[in-house]
PDB file of all heavy atoms in Angstrom:
ATOM      1  N   LYS A   1      29.119 -27.877  18.947  1.00  0.00           N
ATOM      2  CA  LYS A   1      29.696 -26.584  19.297  1.00  0.00           C
ATOM      3  C   LYS A   1      29.168 -25.501  18.348  1.00  0.00           C
ATOM      4  O   LYS A   1      28.790 -24.402  18.779  1.00  0.00           O
ATOM      5  CB  LYS A   1      31.223 -26.656  19.219  1.00  0.00           C
ATOM      6  CG  LYS A   1      31.890 -25.364  19.661  1.00  0.00           C
ATOM      7  CD  LYS A   1      33.391 -25.482  19.647  1.00  0.00           C
ATOM      8  CE  LYS A   1      34.002 -24.158  20.086  1.00  0.00           C
ATOM      9  NZ  LYS A   1      35.423 -24.113  19.949  1.00  0.00           N
ATOM     10  N   GLU A   2      29.154 -25.807  17.055  1.00  0.00           N
ATOM     11  CA  GLU A   2      28.647 -24.860  16.072  1.00  0.00           C
ATOM     12  C   GLU A   2      27.165 -24.562  16.318  1.00  0.00           C
ATOM     13  O   GLU A   2      26.726 -23.416  16.218  1.00  0.00           O
ATOM     14  CB  GLU A   2      28.846 -25.417  14.660  1.00  0.00           C
ATOM     15  CG  GLU A   2      28.704 -24.374  13.573  1.00  0.00           C
ATOM     16  CD  GLU A   2      29.073 -24.918  12.219  1.00  0.00           C
ATOM     17  OE1 GLU A   2      30.130 -25.569  12.093  1.00  0.00           O
ATOM     18  OE2 GLU A   2      28.289 -24.683  11.281  1.00  0.00           O
ATOM     19  N   LYS A   3      26.420 -25.603  16.685  1.00  0.00           N
ATOM     20  CA  LYS A   3      24.991 -25.431  16.987  1.00  0.00           C
ATOM     21  C   LYS A   3      24.828 -24.504  18.201  1.00  0.00           C
ATOM     22  O   LYS A   3      23.979 -23.605  18.193  1.00  0.00           O
ATOM     23  CB  LYS A   3      24.359 -26.799  17.258  1.00  0.00           C
ATOM     24  CG  LYS A   3      22.867 -26.772  17.388  1.00  0.00           C
ATOM     25  CD  LYS A   3      22.336 -28.195  17.557  1.00  0.00           C
ATOM     26  CE  LYS A   3      20.837 -28.218  17.717  1.00  0.00           C
ATOM     27  NZ  LYS A   3      20.321 -29.569  17.908  1.00  0.00           N
ATOM     28  N   GLN A   4      25.666 -24.741  19.231  1.00  0.00           N
ATOM     29  CA  GLN A   4      25.602 -23.902  20.443  1.00  0.00           C
ATOM     30  C   GLN A   4      25.958 -22.447  20.099  1.00  0.00           C
ATOM     31  O   GLN A   4      25.281 -21.528  20.543  1.00  0.00           O
ATOM     32  CB  GLN A   4      26.564 -24.449  21.508  1.00  0.00           C
ATOM     33  CG  GLN A   4      26.481 -23.724  22.836  1.00  0.00           C
ATOM     34  CD  GLN A   4      25.133 -23.899  23.512  1.00  0.00           C
ATOM     35  OE1 GLN A   4      24.517 -24.949  23.437  1.00  0.00           O
ATOM     36  NE2 GLN A   4      24.658 -22.837  24.143  1.00  0.00           N
ATOM     37  N   ASP A   5      27.027 -22.273  19.295  1.00  0.00           N
ATOM     38  CA  ASP A   5      27.413 -20.918  18.870  1.00  0.00           C
ATOM     39  C   ASP A   5      26.279 -20.251  18.087  1.00  0.00           C
ATOM     40  O   ASP A   5      25.974 -19.074  18.294  1.00  0.00           O
ATOM     41  CB  ASP A   5      28.677 -20.954  18.007  1.00  0.00           C
ATOM     42  CG  ASP A   5      29.923 -21.294  18.814  1.00  0.00           C
ATOM     43  OD1 ASP A   5      29.859 -21.245  20.058  1.00  0.00           O
ATOM     44  OD2 ASP A   5      30.963 -21.616  18.193  1.00  0.00           O
ATOM     45  N   SER A   6      25.667 -21.025  17.205  1.00  0.00           N
ATOM     46  CA  SER A   6      24.553 -20.486  16.417  1.00  0.00           C
ATOM     47  C   SER A   6      23.395 -20.095  17.315  1.00  0.00           C
ATOM     48  O   SER A   6      22.761 -19.047  17.116  1.00  0.00           O
ATOM     49  CB  SER A   6      24.069 -21.516  15.393  1.00  0.00           C
ATOM     50  OG  SER A   6      25.065 -21.749  14.440  1.00  0.00           O
ATOM     51  N   MET A   7      23.094 -20.915  18.321  1.00  0.00           N
ATOM     52  CA  MET A   7      22.006 -20.600  19.252  1.00  0.00           C
ATOM     53  C   MET A   7      22.347 -19.330  20.037  1.00  0.00           C
ATOM     54  O   MET A   7      21.477 -18.477  20.259  1.00  0.00           O
ATOM     55  CB  MET A   7      21.752 -21.765  20.211  1.00  0.00           C
ATOM     56  CG  MET A   7      21.131 -22.979  19.544  1.00  0.00           C
ATOM     57  SD  MET A   7      19.596 -22.615  18.696  1.00  0.00           S
ATOM     58  CE  MET A   7      18.515 -22.407  20.097  1.00  0.00           C
ATOM     59  N   ASN A   8      23.630 -19.207  20.444  1.00  0.00           N
ATOM     60  CA  ASN A   8      24.053 -18.002  21.159  1.00  0.00           C
ATOM     61  C   ASN A   8      23.910 -16.756  20.268  1.00  0.00           C
ATOM     62  O   ASN A   8      23.407 -15.724  20.702  1.00  0.00           O
ATOM     63  CB  ASN A   8      25.491 -18.126  21.651  1.00  0.00           C
ATOM     64  CG  ASN A   8      25.628 -19.117  22.791  1.00  0.00           C
ATOM     65  OD1 ASN A   8      24.651 -19.447  23.463  1.00  0.00           O
ATOM     66  ND2 ASN A   8      26.833 -19.616  23.001  1.00  0.00           N
ATOM     67  N   ARG A   9      24.376 -16.895  19.010  1.00  0.00           N
ATOM     68  CA  ARG A   9      24.255 -15.778  18.068  1.00  0.00           C
ATOM     69  C   ARG A   9      22.788 -15.451  17.815  1.00  0.00           C
ATOM     70  O   ARG A   9      22.404 -14.289  17.732  1.00  0.00           O
ATOM     71  CB  ARG A   9      24.941 -16.121  16.741  1.00  0.00           C
ATOM     72  CG  ARG A   9      26.429 -15.832  16.756  1.00  0.00           C
ATOM     73  CD  ARG A   9      26.986 -15.810  15.344  1.00  0.00           C
ATOM     74  NE  ARG A   9      26.506 -16.932  14.546  1.00  0.00           N
ATOM     75  CZ  ARG A   9      27.268 -17.872  13.996  1.00  0.00           C
ATOM     76  NH1 ARG A   9      28.568 -17.840  14.145  1.00  0.00           N
ATOM     77  NH2 ARG A   9      26.735 -18.854  13.292  1.00  0.00           N
ATOM     78  N   TYR A  10      21.961 -16.497  17.690  1.00  0.00           N
ATOM     79  CA  TYR A  10      20.523 -16.286  17.473  1.00  0.00           C
ATOM     80  C   TYR A  10      19.915 -15.533  18.654  1.00  0.00           C
ATOM     81  O   TYR A  10      19.132 -14.599  18.473  1.00  0.00           O
ATOM     82  CB  TYR A  10      19.799 -17.623  17.264  1.00  0.00           C
ATOM     83  CG  TYR A  10      18.307 -17.452  17.170  1.00  0.00           C
ATOM     84  CD1 TYR A  10      17.715 -16.963  16.005  1.00  0.00           C
ATOM     85  CD2 TYR A  10      17.479 -17.746  18.247  1.00  0.00           C
ATOM     86  CE1 TYR A  10      16.354 -16.778  15.920  1.00  0.00           C
ATOM     87  CE2 TYR A  10      16.109 -17.562  18.172  1.00  0.00           C
ATOM     88  CZ  TYR A  10      15.547 -17.090  17.011  1.00  0.00           C
ATOM     89  OH  TYR A  10      14.191 -16.902  16.935  1.00  0.00           O
ATOM     90  N   GLY A  11      20.299 -15.944  19.872  1.00  0.00           N
ATOM     91  CA  GLY A  11      19.794 -15.263  21.072  1.00  0.00           C
ATOM     92  C   GLY A  11      20.213 -13.798  21.087  1.00  0.00           C
ATOM     93  O   GLY A  11      19.405 -12.903  21.372  1.00  0.00           O
ATOM     94  N   ALA A  12      21.492 -13.555  20.764  1.00  0.00           N
ATOM     95  CA  ALA A  12      22.002 -12.180  20.747  1.00  0.00           C
ATOM     96  C   ALA A  12      21.282 -11.361  19.675  1.00  0.00           C
ATOM     97  O   ALA A  12      20.858 -10.230  19.920  1.00  0.00           O
ATOM     98  CB  ALA A  12      23.506 -12.168  20.502  1.00  0.00           C
ATOM     99  N   LEU A  13      21.141 -11.958  18.483  1.00  0.00           N
ATOM    100  CA  LEU A  13      20.448 -11.255  17.399  1.00  0.00           C
ATOM    101  C   LEU A  13      18.983 -11.015  17.740  1.00  0.00           C
ATOM    102  O   LEU A  13      18.419  -9.969  17.410  1.00  0.00           O
ATOM    103  CB  LEU A  13      20.563 -12.044  16.087  1.00  0.00           C
ATOM    104  CG  LEU A  13      21.927 -12.026  15.416  1.00  0.00           C
ATOM    105  CD1 LEU A  13      21.937 -12.957  14.212  1.00  0.00           C
ATOM    106  CD2 LEU A  13      22.308 -10.615  14.989  1.00  0.00           C
ATOM    107  N   SER A  14      18.373 -12.001  18.402  1.00  0.00           N
ATOM    108  CA  SER A  14      16.977 -11.858  18.795  1.00  0.00           C
ATOM    109  C   SER A  14      16.805 -10.711  19.787  1.00  0.00           C
ATOM    110  O   SER A  14      15.903  -9.876  19.638  1.00  0.00           O
ATOM    111  CB  SER A  14      16.479 -13.170  19.403  1.00  0.00           C
ATOM    112  OG  SER A  14      15.146 -13.056  19.830  1.00  0.00           O
ATOM    113  N   SER A  15      17.678 -10.640  20.789  1.00  0.00           N
ATOM    114  CA  SER A  15      17.573  -9.547  21.763  1.00  0.00           C
ATOM    115  C   SER A  15      17.882  -8.211  21.089  1.00  0.00           C
ATOM    116  O   SER A  15      17.229  -7.203  21.351  1.00  0.00           O
ATOM    117  CB  SER A  15      18.491  -9.789  22.958  1.00  0.00           C
ATOM    118  OG  SER A  15      19.840  -9.767  22.566  1.00  0.00           O
ATOM    119  N   GLN A  16      18.876  -8.214  20.192  1.00  0.00           N
ATOM    120  CA  GLN A  16      19.194  -6.989  19.463  1.00  0.00           C
ATOM    121  C   GLN A  16      18.008  -6.578  18.592  1.00  0.00           C
ATOM    122  O   GLN A  16      17.684  -5.392  18.490  1.00  0.00           O
ATOM    123  CB  GLN A  16      20.448  -7.207  18.612  1.00  0.00           C
ATOM    124  CG  GLN A  16      20.993  -5.936  17.993  1.00  0.00           C
ATOM    125  CD  GLN A  16      22.281  -6.187  17.220  1.00  0.00           C
ATOM    126  OE1 GLN A  16      22.710  -7.329  17.041  1.00  0.00           O
ATOM    127  NE2 GLN A  16      22.909  -5.128  16.755  1.00  0.00           N
ATOM    128  N   HIS A  17      17.347  -7.558  17.986  1.00  0.00           N
ATOM    129  CA  HIS A  17      16.164  -7.279  17.164  1.00  0.00           C
ATOM    130  C   HIS A  17      15.065  -6.647  18.001  1.00  0.00           C
ATOM    131  O   HIS A  17      14.424  -5.676  17.577  1.00  0.00           O
ATOM    132  CB  HIS A  17      15.668  -8.572  16.508  1.00  0.00           C
ATOM    133  CG  HIS A  17      14.398  -8.391  15.740  1.00  0.00           C
ATOM    134  ND1 HIS A  17      13.184  -8.706  16.272  1.00  0.00           N
ATOM    135  CD2 HIS A  17      14.175  -7.903  14.494  1.00  0.00           C
ATOM    136  CE1 HIS A  17      12.244  -8.426  15.376  1.00  0.00           C
ATOM    137  NE2 HIS A  17      12.807  -7.946  14.292  1.00  0.00           N
ATOM    138  N   LYS A  18      14.861  -7.178  19.224  1.00  0.00           N
ATOM    139  CA  LYS A  18      13.827  -6.600  20.097  1.00  0.00           C
ATOM    140  C   LYS A  18      14.174  -5.159  20.448  1.00  0.00           C
ATOM    141  O   LYS A  18      13.315  -4.272  20.426  1.00  0.00           O
ATOM    142  CB  LYS A  18      13.698  -7.429  21.378  1.00  0.00           C
ATOM    143  CG  LYS A  18      12.970  -8.744  21.182  1.00  0.00           C
ATOM    144  CD  LYS A  18      12.887  -9.532  22.477  1.00  0.00           C
ATOM    145  CE  LYS A  18      12.255 -10.896  22.239  1.00  0.00           C
ATOM    146  NZ  LYS A  18      12.270 -11.724  23.446  1.00  0.00           N
ATOM    147  N   ILE A  19      15.459  -4.934  20.774  1.00  0.00           N
ATOM    148  CA  ILE A  19      15.890  -3.574  21.120  1.00  0.00           C
ATOM    149  C   ILE A  19      15.666  -2.635  19.932  1.00  0.00           C
ATOM    150  O   ILE A  19      15.109  -1.539  20.085  1.00  0.00           O
ATOM    151  CB  ILE A  19      17.373  -3.571  21.550  1.00  0.00           C
ATOM    152  CG1 ILE A  19      17.537  -4.284  22.902  1.00  0.00           C
ATOM    153  CG2 ILE A  19      17.931  -2.151  21.629  1.00  0.00           C
ATOM    154  CD1 ILE A  19      18.975  -4.546  23.286  1.00  0.00           C
ATOM    155  N   LEU A  20      16.098  -3.098  18.743  1.00  0.00           N
ATOM    156  CA  LEU A  20      15.949  -2.265  17.549  1.00  0.00           C
ATOM    157  C   LEU A  20      14.471  -2.040  17.214  1.00  0.00           C
ATOM    158  O   LEU A  20      14.090  -0.948  16.779  1.00  0.00           O
ATOM    159  CB  LEU A  20      16.673  -2.894  16.359  1.00  0.00           C
ATOM    160  CG  LEU A  20      18.195  -2.857  16.426  1.00  0.00           C
ATOM    161  CD1 LEU A  20      18.801  -3.630  15.261  1.00  0.00           C
ATOM    162  CD2 LEU A  20      18.715  -1.429  16.431  1.00  0.00           C
ATOM    163  N   LYS A  21      13.655  -3.059  17.446  1.00  0.00           N
ATOM    164  CA  LYS A  21      12.219  -2.915  17.181  1.00  0.00           C
ATOM    165  C   LYS A  21      11.620  -1.865  18.123  1.00  0.00           C
ATOM    166  O   LYS A  21      10.820  -1.024  17.695  1.00  0.00           O
ATOM    167  CB  LYS A  21      11.516  -4.261  17.353  1.00  0.00           C
ATOM    168  CG  LYS A  21      10.075  -4.260  16.901  1.00  0.00           C
ATOM    169  CD  LYS A  21       9.460  -5.634  16.976  1.00  0.00           C
ATOM    170  CE  LYS A  21       8.021  -5.577  16.522  1.00  0.00           C
ATOM    171  NZ  LYS A  21       7.350  -6.849  16.638  1.00  0.00           N
ATOM    172  N   ASN A  22      12.028  -1.924  19.401  1.00  0.00           N
ATOM    173  CA  ASN A  22      11.544  -0.923  20.358  1.00  0.00           C
ATOM    174  C   ASN A  22      12.009   0.479  19.963  1.00  0.00           C
ATOM    175  O   ASN A  22      11.237   1.443  20.024  1.00  0.00           O
ATOM    176  CB  ASN A  22      12.010  -1.264  21.780  1.00  0.00           C
ATOM    177  CG  ASN A  22      11.293  -2.473  22.349  1.00  0.00           C
ATOM    178  OD1 ASN A  22      10.196  -2.813  21.919  1.00  0.00           O
ATOM    179  ND2 ASN A  22      11.910  -3.135  23.316  1.00  0.00           N
ATOM    180  N   GLN A  23      13.279   0.562  19.550  1.00  0.00           N
ATOM    181  CA  GLN A  23      13.797   1.853  19.099  1.00  0.00           C
ATOM    182  C   GLN A  23      13.020   2.343  17.876  1.00  0.00           C
ATOM    183  O   GLN A  23      12.690   3.523  17.762  1.00  0.00           O
ATOM    184  CB  GLN A  23      15.282   1.759  18.759  1.00  0.00           C
ATOM    185  CG  GLN A  23      16.192   1.677  19.965  1.00  0.00           C
ATOM    186  CD  GLN A  23      17.656   1.513  19.567  1.00  0.00           C
ATOM    187  OE1 GLN A  23      17.977   1.248  18.411  1.00  0.00           O
ATOM    188  NE2 GLN A  23      18.546   1.668  20.534  1.00  0.00           N
ATOM    189  N   HIS A  24      12.734   1.410  16.969  1.00  0.00           N
ATOM    190  CA  HIS A  24      11.979   1.749  15.765  1.00  0.00           C
ATOM    191  C   HIS A  24      10.595   2.279  16.141  1.00  0.00           C
ATOM    192  O   HIS A  24      10.140   3.289  15.582  1.00  0.00           O
ATOM    193  CB  HIS A  24      11.854   0.510  14.861  1.00  0.00           C
ATOM    194  CG  HIS A  24      10.981   0.724  13.662  1.00  0.00           C
ATOM    195  ND1 HIS A  24      11.369   1.488  12.595  1.00  0.00           N
ATOM    196  CD2 HIS A  24       9.729   0.284  13.385  1.00  0.00           C
ATOM    197  CE1 HIS A  24      10.395   1.496  11.705  1.00  0.00           C
ATOM    198  NE2 HIS A  24       9.396   0.779  12.155  1.00  0.00           N
ATOM    199  N   ASP A  25       9.951   1.608  17.090  1.00  0.00           N
ATOM    200  CA  ASP A  25       8.626   2.060  17.528  1.00  0.00           C
ATOM    201  C   ASP A  25       8.721   3.457  18.153  1.00  0.00           C
ATOM    202  O   ASP A  25       7.860   4.319  17.907  1.00  0.00           O
ATOM    203  CB  ASP A  25       8.023   1.068  18.525  1.00  0.00           C
ATOM    204  CG  ASP A  25       7.643  -0.258  17.859  1.00  0.00           C
ATOM    205  OD1 ASP A  25       7.522  -0.291  16.613  1.00  0.00           O
ATOM    206  OD2 ASP A  25       7.468  -1.259  18.601  1.00  0.00           O
TER     207      ASP A  25
END
């Protein structure tokens, strides 16, 4: 369960990172 939560958080952070990277660009 913790692994799944971590993967979900990683996915959310990854998409947020892409959005922020695009905004940064």
